[in-house]
Amino acid sequence: MKSFEKLEFPEIKARTGIVVTDVEDARAALKASGVPFASNGLNDGDEVSFPKTFETLRTKTVTVDPLRPVDGPKSVLVGVVKNGNPAWLSAGTLRRRGATADAYACDFSRNLANNYIDDAQRIESLLGKTIVVNGTMKVATTVFDENRQPTAKTIDRDFAIIEFGTPSKNAEYFA
């Protein structure tokens, strides 16, 4: 059996102006609002397993606006096992919604967004569990202008259809 505590997670390669920070207190980082970060999201067929406790959860923050590396929005990444390998997952991806308040791809995401106060509670509800992505759905999302302000325009993006699953690719972490 492999242990979450001993996993070697991949380095996060940050483009110019983006700041990646190790976080000591996962719970505190997840209580802050983190934005979804597409490059650390979910794809069709993914299997994602979470560690069993907050003490074994690794967390990083990544700034998402190179023009505001200190005070700009951040994505909170949590260490998971994805498709049998250590990986980073944007906590915000789990509650991602479209341009309207009720535009979710699945009941799983709607439940996480509406029934928990913050990402700390959302992740806590997933500790020791596995989720799987069974397809994607097009959801209209807001288009932002060059000043990063929302516009009235939308664009369709693929959102993951998530449900609870049984570890198969990640089974050795739960033996």
C-alpha atoms as a PDB file:
ATOM      1  CA  MET A   1       0.000   0.000   0.000  1.00  0.00           C
ATOM      2  CA  LYS A   2       1.213   3.508  -0.821  1.00  0.00           C
ATOM      3  CA  SER A   3       0.789   6.360   1.619  1.00  0.00           C
ATOM      4  CA  PHE A   4      -0.368   9.911   0.892  1.00  0.00           C
ATOM      5  CA  GLU A   5       2.208  11.147   3.402  1.00  0.00           C
ATOM      6  CA  LYS A   6       5.115   9.919   1.270  1.00  0.00           C
ATOM      7  CA  LEU A   7       3.880  11.009  -2.149  1.00  0.00           C
ATOM      8  CA  GLU A   8       6.071  13.132  -4.393  1.00  0.00           C
ATOM      9  CA  PHE A   9       3.759  15.683  -6.001  1.00  0.00           C
ATOM     10  CA  PRO A  10       4.630  17.237  -9.359  1.00  0.00           C
ATOM     11  CA  GLU A  11       6.201  20.674  -9.484  1.00  0.00           C
ATOM     12  CA  ILE A  12       3.777  23.404 -10.514  1.00  0.00           C
ATOM     13  CA  LYS A  13       5.301  25.324 -13.369  1.00  0.00           C
ATOM     14  CA  ALA A  14       4.225  28.947 -13.106  1.00  0.00           C
ATOM     15  CA  ARG A  15       4.298  31.365 -16.005  1.00  0.00           C
ATOM     16  CA  THR A  16       5.701  34.867 -15.549  1.00  0.00           C
ATOM     17  CA  GLY A  17       3.979  36.825 -12.801  1.00  0.00           C
ATOM     18  CA  ILE A  18       2.279  33.810 -11.243  1.00  0.00           C
ATOM     19  CA  VAL A  19       3.238  32.950  -7.665  1.00  0.00           C
ATOM     20  CA  VAL A  20       3.019  29.414  -6.234  1.00  0.00           C
ATOM     21  CA  THR A  21       3.084  29.146  -2.438  1.00  0.00           C
ATOM     22  CA  ASP A  22       3.235  26.114  -0.135  1.00  0.00           C
ATOM     23  CA  VAL A  23       0.572  26.339   2.553  1.00  0.00           C
ATOM     24  CA  GLU A  24       1.106  24.942   6.045  1.00  0.00           C
ATOM     25  CA  ASP A  25      -2.500  25.197   7.263  1.00  0.00           C
ATOM     26  CA  ALA A  26      -4.701  23.489   4.652  1.00  0.00           C
ATOM     27  CA  ARG A  27      -7.917  24.206   6.510  1.00  0.00           C
ATOM     28  CA  ALA A  28      -7.193  27.950   6.738  1.00  0.00           C
ATOM     29  CA  ALA A  29      -6.222  28.165   3.060  1.00  0.00           C
ATOM     30  CA  LEU A  30      -9.409  26.383   2.024  1.00  0.00           C
ATOM     31  CA  LYS A  31     -11.587  28.708   4.126  1.00  0.00           C
ATOM     32  CA  ALA A  32     -10.494  31.570   1.876  1.00  0.00           C
ATOM     33  CA  SER A  33     -12.339  31.723  -1.417  1.00  0.00           C
ATOM     34  CA  GLY A  34     -10.283  30.145  -4.180  1.00  0.00           C
ATOM     35  CA  VAL A  35     -11.116  30.439  -7.854  1.00  0.00           C
ATOM     36  CA  PRO A  36     -11.261  27.388 -10.169  1.00  0.00           C
ATOM     37  CA  PHE A  37      -8.006  26.871 -12.038  1.00  0.00           C
ATOM     38  CA  ALA A  38      -8.611  25.028 -15.306  1.00  0.00           C
ATOM     39  CA  SER A  39      -5.103  23.581 -15.642  1.00  0.00           C
ATOM     40  CA  ASN A  40      -5.598  21.708 -12.365  1.00  0.00           C
ATOM     41  CA  GLY A  41      -9.164  20.639 -12.996  1.00  0.00           C
ATOM     42  CA  LEU A  42     -11.041  17.527 -14.026  1.00  0.00           C
ATOM     43  CA  ASN A  43     -11.436  15.709 -17.339  1.00  0.00           C
ATOM     44  CA  ASP A  44     -13.690  12.942 -18.577  1.00  0.00           C
ATOM     45  CA  GLY A  45     -12.582   9.587 -17.174  1.00  0.00           C
ATOM     46  CA  ASP A  46     -10.610  11.007 -14.250  1.00  0.00           C
ATOM     47  CA  GLU A  47     -10.572   9.162 -10.934  1.00  0.00           C
ATOM     48  CA  VAL A  48      -9.546  11.319  -7.966  1.00  0.00           C
ATOM     49  CA  SER A  49      -8.883  10.051  -4.442  1.00  0.00           C
ATOM     50  CA  PHE A  50      -8.458  12.306  -1.425  1.00  0.00           C
ATOM     51  CA  PRO A  51      -6.252  11.664   1.625  1.00  0.00           C
ATOM     52  CA  LYS A  52      -7.974  10.476   4.788  1.00  0.00           C
ATOM     53  CA  THR A  53      -7.203  13.473   7.035  1.00  0.00           C
ATOM     54  CA  PHE A  54      -6.439  17.186   6.892  1.00  0.00           C
ATOM     55  CA  GLU A  55      -3.075  16.392   8.494  1.00  0.00           C
ATOM     56  CA  THR A  56      -2.021  14.472   5.382  1.00  0.00           C
ATOM     57  CA  LEU A  57      -3.512  16.978   2.928  1.00  0.00           C
ATOM     58  CA  ARG A  58      -0.942  19.023   1.029  1.00  0.00           C
ATOM     59  CA  THR A  59      -2.022  22.459  -0.140  1.00  0.00           C
ATOM     60  CA  LYS A  60      -0.652  25.217  -2.363  1.00  0.00           C
ATOM     61  CA  THR A  61      -1.992  28.547  -3.526  1.00  0.00           C
ATOM     62  CA  VAL A  62      -1.459  29.853  -7.042  1.00  0.00           C
ATOM     63  CA  THR A  63      -2.101  33.440  -8.076  1.00  0.00           C
ATOM     64  CA  VAL A  64      -4.182  33.546 -11.238  1.00  0.00           C
ATOM     65  CA  ASP A  65      -3.614  37.162 -12.298  1.00  0.00           C
ATOM     66  CA  PRO A  66      -0.004  37.943 -13.296  1.00  0.00           C
ATOM     67  CA  LEU A  67      -0.761  41.658 -12.984  1.00  0.00           C
ATOM     68  CA  ARG A  68      -1.691  41.212  -9.298  1.00  0.00           C
ATOM     69  CA  PRO A  69       0.663  38.521  -7.949  1.00  0.00           C
ATOM     70  CA  VAL A  70       0.295  39.583  -4.298  1.00  0.00           C
ATOM     71  CA  ASP A  71      -3.284  40.774  -3.802  1.00  0.00           C
ATOM     72  CA  GLY A  72      -4.980  39.155  -6.790  1.00  0.00           C
ATOM     73  CA  PRO A  73      -7.273  36.136  -6.865  1.00  0.00           C
ATOM     74  CA  LYS A  74      -5.773  32.783  -5.938  1.00  0.00           C
ATOM     75  CA  SER A  75      -6.595  29.190  -6.649  1.00  0.00           C
ATOM     76  CA  VAL A  76      -6.181  26.719  -3.795  1.00  0.00           C
ATOM     77  CA  LEU A  77      -4.720  23.401  -4.945  1.00  0.00           C
ATOM     78  CA  VAL A  78      -4.992  20.204  -2.919  1.00  0.00           C
ATOM     79  CA  GLY A  79      -2.798  17.139  -3.268  1.00  0.00           C
ATOM     80  CA  VAL A  80      -4.745  14.114  -4.496  1.00  0.00           C
ATOM     81  CA  VAL A  81      -4.153  10.879  -6.360  1.00  0.00           C
ATOM     82  CA  LYS A  82      -5.507  11.308  -9.877  1.00  0.00           C
ATOM     83  CA  ASN A  83      -5.613   8.318 -12.212  1.00  0.00           C
ATOM     84  CA  GLY A  84      -3.021   6.492 -10.107  1.00  0.00           C
ATOM     85  CA  ASN A  85      -0.553   9.387  -9.821  1.00  0.00           C
ATOM     86  CA  PRO A  86       0.042  12.211  -7.340  1.00  0.00           C
ATOM     87  CA  ALA A  87      -1.520  15.401  -8.717  1.00  0.00           C
ATOM     88  CA  TRP A  88      -2.809  18.836  -7.774  1.00  0.00           C
ATOM     89  CA  LEU A  89      -6.529  19.598  -7.959  1.00  0.00           C
ATOM     90  CA  SER A  90      -8.061  23.058  -7.817  1.00  0.00           C
ATOM     91  CA  ALA A  91     -10.573  22.945  -4.945  1.00  0.00           C
ATOM     92  CA  GLY A  92     -12.714  25.503  -6.780  1.00  0.00           C
ATOM     93  CA  THR A  93     -13.196  23.074  -9.676  1.00  0.00           C
ATOM     94  CA  LEU A  94     -15.464  20.967  -7.481  1.00  0.00           C
ATOM     95  CA  ARG A  95     -17.999  23.802  -7.128  1.00  0.00           C
ATOM     96  CA  ARG A  96     -17.507  25.381 -10.542  1.00  0.00           C
ATOM     97  CA  ARG A  97     -20.603  26.933 -12.092  1.00  0.00           C
ATOM     98  CA  GLY A  98     -21.470  28.812 -15.223  1.00  0.00           C
ATOM     99  CA  ALA A  99     -22.624  32.360 -15.922  1.00  0.00           C
ATOM    100  CA  THR A 100     -25.815  31.993 -13.898  1.00  0.00           C
ATOM    101  CA  ALA A 101     -26.101  30.986 -10.249  1.00  0.00           C
ATOM    102  CA  ASP A 102     -27.833  27.691 -11.075  1.00  0.00           C
ATOM    103  CA  ALA A 103     -25.619  26.635 -14.001  1.00  0.00           C
ATOM    104  CA  TYR A 104     -23.910  23.473 -12.745  1.00  0.00           C
ATOM    105  CA  ALA A 105     -23.000  20.424 -14.804  1.00  0.00           C
ATOM    106  CA  CYS A 106     -24.092  17.954 -12.130  1.00  0.00           C
ATOM    107  CA  ASP A 107     -25.855  17.511  -8.800  1.00  0.00           C
ATOM    108  CA  PHE A 108     -22.519  16.686  -7.144  1.00  0.00           C
ATOM    109  CA  SER A 109     -21.101  20.173  -7.839  1.00  0.00           C
ATOM    110  CA  ARG A 110     -24.407  21.864  -6.997  1.00  0.00           C
ATOM    111  CA  ASN A 111     -24.484  20.025  -3.648  1.00  0.00           C
ATOM    112  CA  LEU A 112     -20.894  20.980  -2.785  1.00  0.00           C
ATOM    113  CA  ALA A 113     -21.498  24.620  -3.715  1.00  0.00           C
ATOM    114  CA  ASN A 114     -24.810  25.037  -1.930  1.00  0.00           C
ATOM    115  CA  ASN A 115     -24.518  22.843   1.175  1.00  0.00           C
ATOM    116  CA  TYR A 116     -21.093  23.791   2.535  1.00  0.00           C
ATOM    117  CA  ILE A 117     -19.862  27.173   3.763  1.00  0.00           C
ATOM    118  CA  ASP A 118     -16.376  27.017   2.254  1.00  0.00           C
ATOM    119  CA  ASP A 119     -13.867  24.800   0.459  1.00  0.00           C
ATOM    120  CA  ALA A 120     -12.513  23.558   3.810  1.00  0.00           C
ATOM    121  CA  GLN A 121     -15.876  21.929   4.544  1.00  0.00           C
ATOM    122  CA  ARG A 122     -16.184  20.699   0.951  1.00  0.00           C
ATOM    123  CA  ILE A 123     -12.782  18.992   1.029  1.00  0.00           C
ATOM    124  CA  GLU A 124     -13.427  17.634   4.534  1.00  0.00           C
ATOM    125  CA  SER A 125     -16.557  15.903   3.168  1.00  0.00           C
ATOM    126  CA  LEU A 126     -14.348  14.205   0.545  1.00  0.00           C
ATOM    127  CA  LEU A 127     -11.478  13.026   2.782  1.00  0.00           C
ATOM    128  CA  GLY A 128     -10.862   9.303   2.330  1.00  0.00           C
ATOM    129  CA  LYS A 129     -13.213   9.177  -0.667  1.00  0.00           C
ATOM    130  CA  THR A 130     -12.900   8.847  -4.421  1.00  0.00           C
ATOM    131  CA  ILE A 131     -14.737  10.747  -7.123  1.00  0.00           C
ATOM    132  CA  VAL A 132     -14.961   9.933 -10.818  1.00  0.00           C
ATOM    133  CA  VAL A 133     -15.766  12.024 -13.865  1.00  0.00           C
ATOM    134  CA  ASN A 134     -18.382  10.391 -16.071  1.00  0.00           C
ATOM    135  CA  GLY A 135     -18.511  12.727 -19.022  1.00  0.00           C
ATOM    136  CA  THR A 136     -18.702  16.456 -19.511  1.00  0.00           C
ATOM    137  CA  MET A 137     -21.462  18.944 -20.236  1.00  0.00           C
ATOM    138  CA  LYS A 138     -21.326  22.288 -22.055  1.00  0.00           C
ATOM    139  CA  VAL A 139     -22.098  25.158 -19.672  1.00  0.00           C
ATOM    140  CA  ALA A 140     -22.254  28.842 -20.640  1.00  0.00           C
ATOM    141  CA  THR A 141     -19.582  30.792 -18.755  1.00  0.00           C
ATOM    142  CA  THR A 142     -18.921  34.514 -18.488  1.00  0.00           C
ATOM    143  CA  VAL A 143     -16.415  36.138 -20.847  1.00  0.00           C
ATOM    144  CA  PHE A 144     -14.056  38.666 -19.253  1.00  0.00           C
ATOM    145  CA  ASP A 145     -12.561  41.678 -21.051  1.00  0.00           C
ATOM    146  CA  GLU A 146      -8.880  42.659 -21.256  1.00  0.00           C
ATOM    147  CA  ASN A 147      -9.182  44.379 -17.858  1.00  0.00           C
ATOM    148  CA  ARG A 148     -10.510  41.154 -16.361  1.00  0.00           C
ATOM    149  CA  GLN A 149     -14.006  42.584 -15.927  1.00  0.00           C
ATOM    150  CA  PRO A 150     -17.075  40.450 -16.698  1.00  0.00           C
ATOM    151  CA  THR A 151     -18.959  41.194 -19.896  1.00  0.00           C
ATOM    152  CA  ALA A 152     -22.478  40.266 -21.006  1.00  0.00           C
ATOM    153  CA  LYS A 153     -20.997  37.686 -23.392  1.00  0.00           C
ATOM    154  CA  THR A 154     -20.784  33.981 -22.636  1.00  0.00           C
ATOM    155  CA  ILE A 155     -18.841  31.066 -24.053  1.00  0.00           C
ATOM    156  CA  ASP A 156     -19.609  27.370 -23.685  1.00  0.00           C
ATOM    157  CA  ARG A 157     -17.038  25.336 -21.759  1.00  0.00           C
ATOM    158  CA  ASP A 158     -16.888  21.669 -20.822  1.00  0.00           C
ATOM    159  CA  PHE A 159     -17.687  21.029 -17.151  1.00  0.00           C
ATOM    160  CA  ALA A 160     -17.052  17.703 -15.462  1.00  0.00           C
ATOM    161  CA  ILE A 161     -19.962  15.476 -14.458  1.00  0.00           C
ATOM    162  CA  ILE A 162     -18.751  14.215 -11.071  1.00  0.00           C
ATOM    163  CA  GLU A 163     -19.998  11.411  -8.834  1.00  0.00           C
ATOM    164  CA  PHE A 164     -18.660   9.271  -6.031  1.00  0.00           C
ATOM    165  CA  GLY A 165     -16.771   6.185  -7.160  1.00  0.00           C
ATOM    166  CA  THR A 166     -14.789   3.194  -5.980  1.00  0.00           C
ATOM    167  CA  PRO A 167     -11.004   3.392  -6.306  1.00  0.00           C
ATOM    168  CA  SER A 168      -9.705   1.292  -9.169  1.00  0.00           C
ATOM    169  CA  LYS A 169      -6.819   3.294 -10.663  1.00  0.00           C
ATOM    170  CA  ASN A 170      -6.014   4.567  -7.174  1.00  0.00           C
ATOM    171  CA  ALA A 171      -6.756   1.340  -5.244  1.00  0.00           C
ATOM    172  CA  GLU A 172      -3.210   0.871  -3.911  1.00  0.00           C
ATOM    173  CA  TYR A 173      -3.677   4.004  -1.774  1.00  0.00           C
ATOM    174  CA  PHE A 174      -6.658   2.465   0.006  1.00  0.00           C
ATOM    175  CA  ALA A 175      -5.522  -1.133   0.546  1.00  0.00           C
END
